[in-house]
């Protein structure tokens, strides 16, 4: 099996494309597209999404499929190319057989959703501000000094 689908969150559509792997740069608008792995096995069979690593502020989508009772999902910003190559298990192949079938596994969302998702996973450059600590004015001192001050000894 060799199938490729362009997932375009700007137009909120999915289109079957030829040579999606070879044309990933053109289709995603990235000189060096990244690959997000959805499924793979040891026999060089894969299901991946090629995407632009620089598309953080663009509209986004989430690919969600099920395999052996588990949900596999990946959030992507910008355009993506779903790439199926090799012997894909029938359970997955059924979910990507047509563009209409792929539509059922894709959820389009805003770029903010992806930014929050990445922040929660620790992948964003935006981090929490460091905690402010109260400066001690030295009034309490050691336990012995506190006991003396309170009349205990």
N, C-alpha and C. Protein backbone atom coordinates (compact mmCIF):
# COMPACT_ATOMS: atom_id res chain seq x y z
N UNK A 1 0.85 -1.17 0.00
CA UNK A 1 0.00 0.00 0.00
C UNK A 1 0.89 1.23 0.00
N UNK A 2 0.54 2.20 -0.83
CA UNK A 2 1.20 3.50 -0.80
C UNK A 2 0.12 4.54 -1.07
N UNK A 3 -0.28 5.25 -0.03
CA UNK A 3 -1.30 6.28 -0.13
C UNK A 3 -0.79 7.57 0.48
N UNK A 4 -1.19 8.69 -0.11
CA UNK A 4 -0.82 10.00 0.43
C UNK A 4 -2.03 10.93 0.37
N UNK A 5 -2.25 11.65 1.46
CA UNK A 5 -3.36 12.61 1.54
C UNK A 5 -2.83 13.93 2.07
N UNK A 6 -3.18 15.01 1.39
CA UNK A 6 -2.87 16.36 1.89
C UNK A 6 -3.98 16.76 2.84
N UNK A 7 -3.59 17.13 4.05
CA UNK A 7 -4.55 17.61 5.06
C UNK A 7 -4.32 19.11 5.19
N UNK A 8 -5.31 19.88 4.79
CA UNK A 8 -5.17 21.34 4.74
C UNK A 8 -6.13 21.99 5.74
N UNK A 9 -5.62 22.41 6.91
CA UNK A 9 -6.50 23.03 7.90
C UNK A 9 -6.99 24.42 7.51
N UNK A 10 -6.32 25.10 6.56
CA UNK A 10 -6.80 26.40 6.09
C UNK A 10 -8.13 26.24 5.37
N UNK A 11 -8.20 25.26 4.49
CA UNK A 11 -9.42 25.01 3.72
C UNK A 11 -10.28 23.93 4.36
N UNK A 12 -9.77 23.32 5.45
CA UNK A 12 -10.47 22.25 6.17
C UNK A 12 -10.90 21.14 5.22
N UNK A 13 -9.89 20.66 4.45
CA UNK A 13 -10.18 19.59 3.50
C UNK A 13 -9.03 18.57 3.46
N UNK A 14 -9.36 17.42 2.92
CA UNK A 14 -8.39 16.32 2.77
C UNK A 14 -8.47 15.88 1.32
N UNK A 15 -7.30 15.83 0.66
CA UNK A 15 -7.22 15.51 -0.75
C UNK A 15 -6.19 14.43 -0.98
N UNK A 16 -6.54 13.41 -1.76
CA UNK A 16 -5.57 12.39 -2.13
C UNK A 16 -4.58 13.01 -3.10
N UNK A 17 -3.28 12.78 -2.87
CA UNK A 17 -2.24 13.34 -3.72
C UNK A 17 -1.29 12.23 -4.18
N UNK A 18 -0.66 12.47 -5.33
CA UNK A 18 0.35 11.55 -5.84
C UNK A 18 1.72 12.02 -5.38
N UNK A 19 2.61 11.09 -5.14
CA UNK A 19 4.00 11.39 -4.77
C UNK A 19 4.08 12.30 -3.55
N UNK A 20 3.23 12.07 -2.58
CA UNK A 20 3.18 12.91 -1.38
C UNK A 20 4.48 12.93 -0.61
N UNK A 21 5.19 11.80 -0.58
CA UNK A 21 6.46 11.76 0.14
C UNK A 21 7.49 12.62 -0.58
N UNK A 22 7.59 12.47 -1.90
CA UNK A 22 8.56 13.25 -2.69
C UNK A 22 8.19 14.73 -2.75
N UNK A 23 6.91 15.04 -2.66
CA UNK A 23 6.44 16.42 -2.76
C UNK A 23 6.12 17.04 -1.40
N UNK A 24 6.54 16.40 -0.30
CA UNK A 24 6.18 16.88 1.04
C UNK A 24 6.63 18.33 1.27
N UNK A 25 7.81 18.69 0.78
CA UNK A 25 8.28 20.08 0.95
C UNK A 25 7.33 21.06 0.28
N UNK A 26 6.96 20.78 -0.93
CA UNK A 26 6.06 21.63 -1.69
C UNK A 26 4.67 21.69 -1.03
N UNK A 27 4.15 20.54 -0.64
CA UNK A 27 2.80 20.47 -0.11
C UNK A 27 2.66 21.09 1.28
N UNK A 28 3.70 20.99 2.11
CA UNK A 28 3.64 21.54 3.47
C UNK A 28 4.20 22.96 3.55
N UNK A 29 4.88 23.41 2.49
CA UNK A 29 5.47 24.74 2.50
C UNK A 29 6.71 24.82 3.37
N UNK A 30 7.40 23.70 3.54
CA UNK A 30 8.60 23.66 4.39
C UNK A 30 9.78 23.11 3.60
N UNK A 31 10.91 23.78 3.73
CA UNK A 31 12.12 23.31 3.06
C UNK A 31 12.58 21.96 3.61
N UNK A 32 12.40 21.77 4.92
CA UNK A 32 12.79 20.53 5.58
C UNK A 32 11.64 20.03 6.45
N UNK A 33 10.65 19.34 5.83
CA UNK A 33 9.51 18.87 6.63
C UNK A 33 9.92 17.83 7.66
N UNK A 34 9.19 17.83 8.77
CA UNK A 34 9.39 16.82 9.80
C UNK A 34 8.43 15.67 9.55
N UNK A 35 8.67 14.56 10.25
CA UNK A 35 7.78 13.39 10.14
C UNK A 35 7.26 13.04 11.53
N UNK A 36 5.97 13.01 11.68
CA UNK A 36 5.35 12.58 12.93
C UNK A 36 4.85 11.15 12.72
N UNK A 37 5.36 10.24 13.51
CA UNK A 37 5.02 8.82 13.35
C UNK A 37 3.70 8.49 14.04
N UNK A 38 2.80 7.88 13.30
CA UNK A 38 1.55 7.39 13.87
C UNK A 38 1.66 5.89 14.17
N UNK A 39 2.24 5.13 13.22
CA UNK A 39 2.37 3.69 13.38
C UNK A 39 3.55 3.22 12.53
N UNK A 40 4.25 2.20 13.02
CA UNK A 40 5.34 1.59 12.25
C UNK A 40 5.54 0.16 12.72
N UNK A 41 6.16 -0.64 11.86
CA UNK A 41 6.57 -1.97 12.26
C UNK A 41 8.00 -2.19 11.75
N UNK A 42 8.53 -3.36 12.02
CA UNK A 42 9.93 -3.62 11.67
C UNK A 42 10.14 -3.93 10.20
N UNK A 43 9.09 -4.11 9.44
CA UNK A 43 9.21 -4.46 8.02
C UNK A 43 9.12 -3.22 7.13
N UNK A 44 9.50 -2.08 7.62
CA UNK A 44 9.49 -0.82 6.86
C UNK A 44 8.09 -0.39 6.42
N UNK A 45 7.09 -0.77 7.15
CA UNK A 45 5.74 -0.29 6.90
C UNK A 45 5.47 0.83 7.90
N UNK A 46 4.99 1.97 7.38
CA UNK A 46 4.79 3.12 8.26
C UNK A 46 3.53 3.89 7.91
N UNK A 47 3.05 4.60 8.88
CA UNK A 47 1.99 5.59 8.69
C UNK A 47 2.49 6.84 9.41
N UNK A 48 2.81 7.87 8.63
CA UNK A 48 3.41 9.09 9.17
C UNK A 48 2.65 10.31 8.64
N UNK A 49 2.92 11.45 9.27
CA UNK A 49 2.43 12.73 8.77
C UNK A 49 3.64 13.62 8.57
N UNK A 50 3.87 14.06 7.32
CA UNK A 50 4.91 15.05 7.02
C UNK A 50 4.31 16.42 7.32
N UNK A 51 5.09 17.29 7.96
CA UNK A 51 4.57 18.60 8.36
C UNK A 51 5.70 19.61 8.37
N UNK A 52 5.33 20.88 8.49
CA UNK A 52 6.31 21.96 8.60
C UNK A 52 6.60 22.23 10.07
N UNK A 53 7.85 22.05 10.52
CA UNK A 53 8.17 22.33 11.93
C UNK A 53 8.02 23.81 12.29
N UNK A 54 7.94 24.69 11.30
CA UNK A 54 7.85 26.14 11.54
C UNK A 54 6.43 26.67 11.49
N UNK A 55 5.42 25.80 11.51
CA UNK A 55 4.04 26.22 11.32
C UNK A 55 3.27 26.40 12.63
N UNK A 56 3.93 26.77 13.71
CA UNK A 56 3.30 26.84 15.03
C UNK A 56 2.08 27.76 15.11
N UNK A 57 2.07 28.86 14.42
CA UNK A 57 0.98 29.82 14.54
C UNK A 57 -0.09 29.65 13.47
N UNK A 58 -0.01 28.59 12.66
CA UNK A 58 -0.98 28.36 11.60
C UNK A 58 -2.12 27.48 12.12
N UNK A 59 -3.23 27.45 11.37
CA UNK A 59 -4.32 26.55 11.75
C UNK A 59 -3.79 25.11 11.85
N UNK A 60 -4.46 24.30 12.61
CA UNK A 60 -3.92 22.98 12.92
C UNK A 60 -4.98 21.88 12.82
N UNK A 61 -4.52 20.66 13.03
CA UNK A 61 -5.42 19.52 13.02
C UNK A 61 -4.86 18.43 13.92
N UNK A 62 -5.73 17.49 14.26
CA UNK A 62 -5.35 16.34 15.07
C UNK A 62 -5.79 15.10 14.30
N UNK A 63 -4.85 14.16 14.12
CA UNK A 63 -5.15 12.87 13.49
C UNK A 63 -5.34 11.87 14.62
N UNK A 64 -6.46 11.16 14.57
CA UNK A 64 -6.76 10.19 15.63
C UNK A 64 -7.26 8.91 14.96
N UNK A 65 -6.54 7.79 15.20
CA UNK A 65 -6.99 6.51 14.67
C UNK A 65 -6.92 5.47 15.78
N UNK A 66 -7.58 4.36 15.54
CA UNK A 66 -7.54 3.32 16.55
C UNK A 66 -6.87 2.08 15.97
N UNK A 67 -6.14 1.39 16.83
CA UNK A 67 -5.44 0.17 16.43
C UNK A 67 -5.31 -0.73 17.64
N UNK A 68 -5.84 -1.94 17.50
CA UNK A 68 -5.83 -2.93 18.57
C UNK A 68 -6.41 -2.39 19.88
N UNK A 69 -7.50 -1.66 19.76
CA UNK A 69 -8.20 -1.15 20.93
C UNK A 69 -7.59 0.09 21.56
N UNK A 70 -6.52 0.61 20.98
CA UNK A 70 -5.88 1.82 21.51
C UNK A 70 -6.04 2.96 20.52
N UNK A 71 -6.08 4.17 21.06
CA UNK A 71 -6.15 5.37 20.23
C UNK A 71 -4.75 5.90 20.01
N UNK A 72 -4.45 6.18 18.75
CA UNK A 72 -3.17 6.79 18.37
C UNK A 72 -3.52 8.17 17.84
N UNK A 73 -2.86 9.20 18.35
CA UNK A 73 -3.17 10.55 17.88
C UNK A 73 -1.91 11.39 17.79
N UNK A 74 -2.01 12.40 16.93
CA UNK A 74 -0.90 13.33 16.72
C UNK A 74 -1.50 14.68 16.37
N UNK A 75 -1.03 15.75 17.00
CA UNK A 75 -1.46 17.12 16.71
C UNK A 75 -0.42 17.77 15.81
N UNK A 76 -0.88 18.43 14.77
CA UNK A 76 -0.01 19.03 13.76
C UNK A 76 -0.46 20.45 13.47
N UNK A 77 0.48 21.39 13.38
CA UNK A 77 0.18 22.76 12.96
C UNK A 77 0.50 22.89 11.47
N UNK A 78 -0.31 23.64 10.76
CA UNK A 78 -0.08 23.84 9.34
C UNK A 78 -0.55 22.65 8.53
N UNK A 79 -0.21 22.68 7.24
CA UNK A 79 -0.59 21.58 6.35
C UNK A 79 0.22 20.34 6.68
N UNK A 80 -0.37 19.18 6.42
CA UNK A 80 0.32 17.92 6.63
C UNK A 80 0.02 16.96 5.50
N UNK A 81 0.91 16.00 5.31
CA UNK A 81 0.71 14.96 4.31
C UNK A 81 0.72 13.63 5.04
N UNK A 82 -0.42 12.95 5.06
CA UNK A 82 -0.53 11.62 5.64
C UNK A 82 0.09 10.64 4.65
N UNK A 83 1.08 9.88 5.11
CA UNK A 83 1.84 8.97 4.25
C UNK A 83 1.70 7.55 4.76
N UNK A 84 1.10 6.68 3.95
CA UNK A 84 0.98 5.26 4.29
C UNK A 84 1.84 4.48 3.31
N UNK A 85 2.74 3.67 3.87
CA UNK A 85 3.68 2.96 3.03
C UNK A 85 3.90 1.54 3.55
N UNK A 86 3.80 0.56 2.69
CA UNK A 86 4.10 -0.82 3.08
C UNK A 86 2.85 -1.60 3.42
N UNK A 87 3.04 -2.64 4.21
CA UNK A 87 1.94 -3.52 4.60
C UNK A 87 1.27 -2.97 5.86
N UNK A 88 0.25 -2.19 5.64
CA UNK A 88 -0.50 -1.58 6.74
C UNK A 88 -1.53 -2.59 7.23
N UNK A 89 -1.65 -2.80 8.54
CA UNK A 89 -2.65 -3.74 9.05
C UNK A 89 -4.06 -3.37 8.58
N UNK A 90 -4.89 -4.37 8.30
CA UNK A 90 -6.25 -4.11 7.81
C UNK A 90 -7.05 -3.13 8.68
N UNK A 91 -6.86 -3.19 9.99
CA UNK A 91 -7.59 -2.30 10.89
C UNK A 91 -7.25 -0.83 10.63
N UNK A 92 -5.99 -0.55 10.32
CA UNK A 92 -5.57 0.82 10.00
C UNK A 92 -5.92 1.14 8.54
N UNK A 93 -5.67 0.20 7.63
CA UNK A 93 -5.92 0.42 6.21
C UNK A 93 -7.36 0.82 5.95
N UNK A 94 -8.28 0.26 6.70
CA UNK A 94 -9.70 0.58 6.55
C UNK A 94 -9.95 2.05 6.89
N UNK A 95 -9.20 2.60 7.84
CA UNK A 95 -9.40 3.98 8.28
C UNK A 95 -8.80 5.01 7.33
N UNK A 96 -7.93 4.55 6.40
CA UNK A 96 -7.27 5.48 5.47
C UNK A 96 -7.53 5.12 4.01
N UNK A 97 -8.48 4.25 3.76
CA UNK A 97 -8.75 3.74 2.42
C UNK A 97 -9.11 4.84 1.43
N UNK A 98 -9.88 5.83 1.86
CA UNK A 98 -10.32 6.93 0.99
C UNK A 98 -10.17 8.26 1.75
N UNK A 99 -10.25 9.34 0.99
CA UNK A 99 -10.20 10.67 1.61
C UNK A 99 -11.38 10.85 2.56
N UNK A 100 -12.52 10.30 2.20
CA UNK A 100 -13.71 10.36 3.05
C UNK A 100 -13.46 9.65 4.37
N UNK A 101 -12.78 8.49 4.32
CA UNK A 101 -12.46 7.75 5.54
C UNK A 101 -11.48 8.53 6.41
N UNK A 102 -10.50 9.18 5.78
CA UNK A 102 -9.50 9.97 6.53
C UNK A 102 -10.19 11.15 7.21
N UNK A 103 -11.20 11.73 6.58
CA UNK A 103 -11.94 12.85 7.18
C UNK A 103 -12.49 12.48 8.56
N UNK A 104 -12.86 11.22 8.74
CA UNK A 104 -13.42 10.78 10.01
C UNK A 104 -12.36 10.73 11.11
N UNK A 105 -11.08 10.63 10.75
CA UNK A 105 -10.03 10.57 11.76
C UNK A 105 -9.32 11.90 11.99
N UNK A 106 -9.73 12.95 11.26
CA UNK A 106 -9.07 14.26 11.37
C UNK A 106 -10.03 15.25 12.01
N UNK A 107 -9.50 15.98 12.99
CA UNK A 107 -10.25 17.05 13.65
C UNK A 107 -9.48 18.35 13.45
N UNK A 108 -10.10 19.34 12.82
CA UNK A 108 -9.45 20.62 12.59
C UNK A 108 -9.67 21.51 13.81
N UNK A 109 -8.66 22.29 14.16
CA UNK A 109 -8.76 23.20 15.30
C UNK A 109 -7.89 24.42 15.04
N UNK A 110 -7.86 25.31 16.02
CA UNK A 110 -7.07 26.54 15.88
C UNK A 110 -5.63 26.29 16.32
N UNK A 111 -4.72 27.18 15.94
CA UNK A 111 -3.31 27.06 16.32
C UNK A 111 -3.13 27.15 17.82
N UNK A 112 -4.02 27.88 18.50
CA UNK A 112 -3.91 28.00 19.96
C UNK A 112 -4.03 26.65 20.64
N UNK A 113 -4.89 25.77 20.10
CA UNK A 113 -5.07 24.44 20.67
C UNK A 113 -3.75 23.67 20.66
N UNK A 114 -3.02 23.76 19.55
CA UNK A 114 -1.73 23.07 19.42
C UNK A 114 -0.71 23.70 20.35
N UNK A 115 -0.71 25.03 20.45
CA UNK A 115 0.25 25.69 21.34
C UNK A 115 0.04 25.26 22.79
N UNK A 116 -1.21 25.17 23.21
CA UNK A 116 -1.51 24.72 24.58
C UNK A 116 -1.09 23.27 24.75
N UNK A 117 -1.37 22.43 23.75
CA UNK A 117 -0.99 21.02 23.81
C UNK A 117 0.53 20.88 23.96
N UNK A 118 1.27 21.64 23.18
CA UNK A 118 2.75 21.57 23.27
C UNK A 118 3.24 22.11 24.61
N UNK A 119 2.61 23.18 25.10
CA UNK A 119 3.02 23.74 26.39
C UNK A 119 2.80 22.71 27.50
N UNK A 120 1.64 22.03 27.46
CA UNK A 120 1.36 21.02 28.48
C UNK A 120 2.34 19.87 28.43
N UNK A 121 2.83 19.55 27.24
CA UNK A 121 3.81 18.46 27.10
C UNK A 121 5.24 18.97 27.32
N UNK A 122 5.41 20.27 27.57
CA UNK A 122 6.73 20.82 27.84
C UNK A 122 7.52 21.13 26.59
N UNK A 123 6.86 21.20 25.44
CA UNK A 123 7.57 21.43 24.19
C UNK A 123 7.55 22.86 23.70
N UNK A 124 7.03 23.76 24.46
CA UNK A 124 6.95 25.15 24.02
C UNK A 124 8.12 25.95 24.58
N UNK A 125 8.47 27.01 23.86
CA UNK A 125 9.52 27.89 24.38
C UNK A 125 8.96 28.79 25.47
N UNK A 126 7.63 28.85 25.57
CA UNK A 126 7.01 29.66 26.61
C UNK A 126 6.99 28.84 27.90
N UNK A 127 7.58 29.38 28.93
CA UNK A 127 7.62 28.66 30.21
C UNK A 127 7.03 29.52 31.29
N UNK A 128 6.77 28.91 32.40
CA UNK A 128 6.26 29.66 33.54
C UNK A 128 7.36 30.56 34.09
N UNK A 129 6.95 31.67 34.64
CA UNK A 129 7.91 32.57 35.27
C UNK A 129 8.44 31.90 36.54
N UNK A 130 9.69 32.17 36.89
CA UNK A 130 10.21 31.56 38.10
C UNK A 130 9.44 32.03 39.34
N UNK A 131 9.30 31.14 40.28
CA UNK A 131 8.58 31.48 41.51
C UNK A 131 9.36 32.51 42.30
N UNK A 132 8.65 33.45 42.88
CA UNK A 132 9.31 34.46 43.72
C UNK A 132 9.35 33.93 45.14
N UNK A 133 10.43 34.09 45.75
CA UNK A 133 10.59 33.61 47.12
C UNK A 133 10.62 34.81 48.06
N UNK A 134 9.98 34.66 49.18
CA UNK A 134 9.98 35.74 50.17
C UNK A 134 11.37 35.82 50.79
N UNK A 135 11.88 37.02 50.85
CA UNK A 135 13.19 37.21 51.46
C UNK A 135 13.05 37.21 52.97
N UNK A 136 13.93 36.50 53.61
CA UNK A 136 13.90 36.45 55.07
C UNK A 136 14.57 37.69 55.62
N UNK A 137 13.94 38.30 56.63
CA UNK A 137 14.56 39.47 57.23
C UNK A 137 15.40 39.08 58.43
N UNK A 138 15.53 37.77 58.67
CA UNK A 138 16.39 37.28 59.74
C UNK A 138 15.78 37.35 61.12
N UNK A 139 14.51 37.72 61.23
CA UNK A 139 13.90 37.88 62.55
C UNK A 139 13.78 36.55 63.30
N UNK A 140 13.53 35.46 62.56
CA UNK A 140 13.29 34.21 63.26
C UNK A 140 14.58 33.52 63.70
N UNK A 141 15.61 33.60 62.90
CA UNK A 141 16.90 33.01 63.28
C UNK A 141 16.81 31.52 63.55
N UNK A 142 17.60 31.04 64.50
CA UNK A 142 17.65 29.62 64.81
C UNK A 142 16.50 29.24 65.76
N UNK A 143 16.31 27.94 65.95
CA UNK A 143 15.28 27.46 66.87
C UNK A 143 15.53 27.96 68.29
N UNK A 144 16.80 27.98 68.67
CA UNK A 144 17.16 28.44 70.02
C UNK A 144 16.77 29.91 70.20
N UNK A 145 17.03 30.76 69.19
CA UNK A 145 16.67 32.17 69.28
C UNK A 145 15.17 32.34 69.36
N UNK A 146 14.40 31.52 68.61
CA UNK A 146 12.94 31.60 68.65
C UNK A 146 12.41 31.19 70.02
N UNK A 147 13.03 30.15 70.60
CA UNK A 147 12.59 29.71 71.94
C UNK A 147 12.82 30.81 72.96
N UNK A 148 13.98 31.45 72.88
CA UNK A 148 14.28 32.54 73.84
C UNK A 148 13.29 33.67 73.68
N UNK A 149 12.96 34.01 72.43
CA UNK A 149 12.04 35.12 72.16
C UNK A 149 10.63 34.81 72.67
N UNK A 150 10.24 33.56 72.64
CA UNK A 150 8.89 33.20 73.09
C UNK A 150 8.83 32.84 74.55
N UNK A 151 9.97 32.88 75.23
CA UNK A 151 9.99 32.60 76.65
C UNK A 151 10.21 31.11 76.94
N UNK A 152 10.39 30.31 75.92
CA UNK A 152 10.68 28.88 76.13
C UNK A 152 12.17 28.68 76.24
N UNK A 153 12.53 27.63 76.87
CA UNK A 153 13.96 27.36 76.95
C UNK A 153 14.24 25.92 77.06
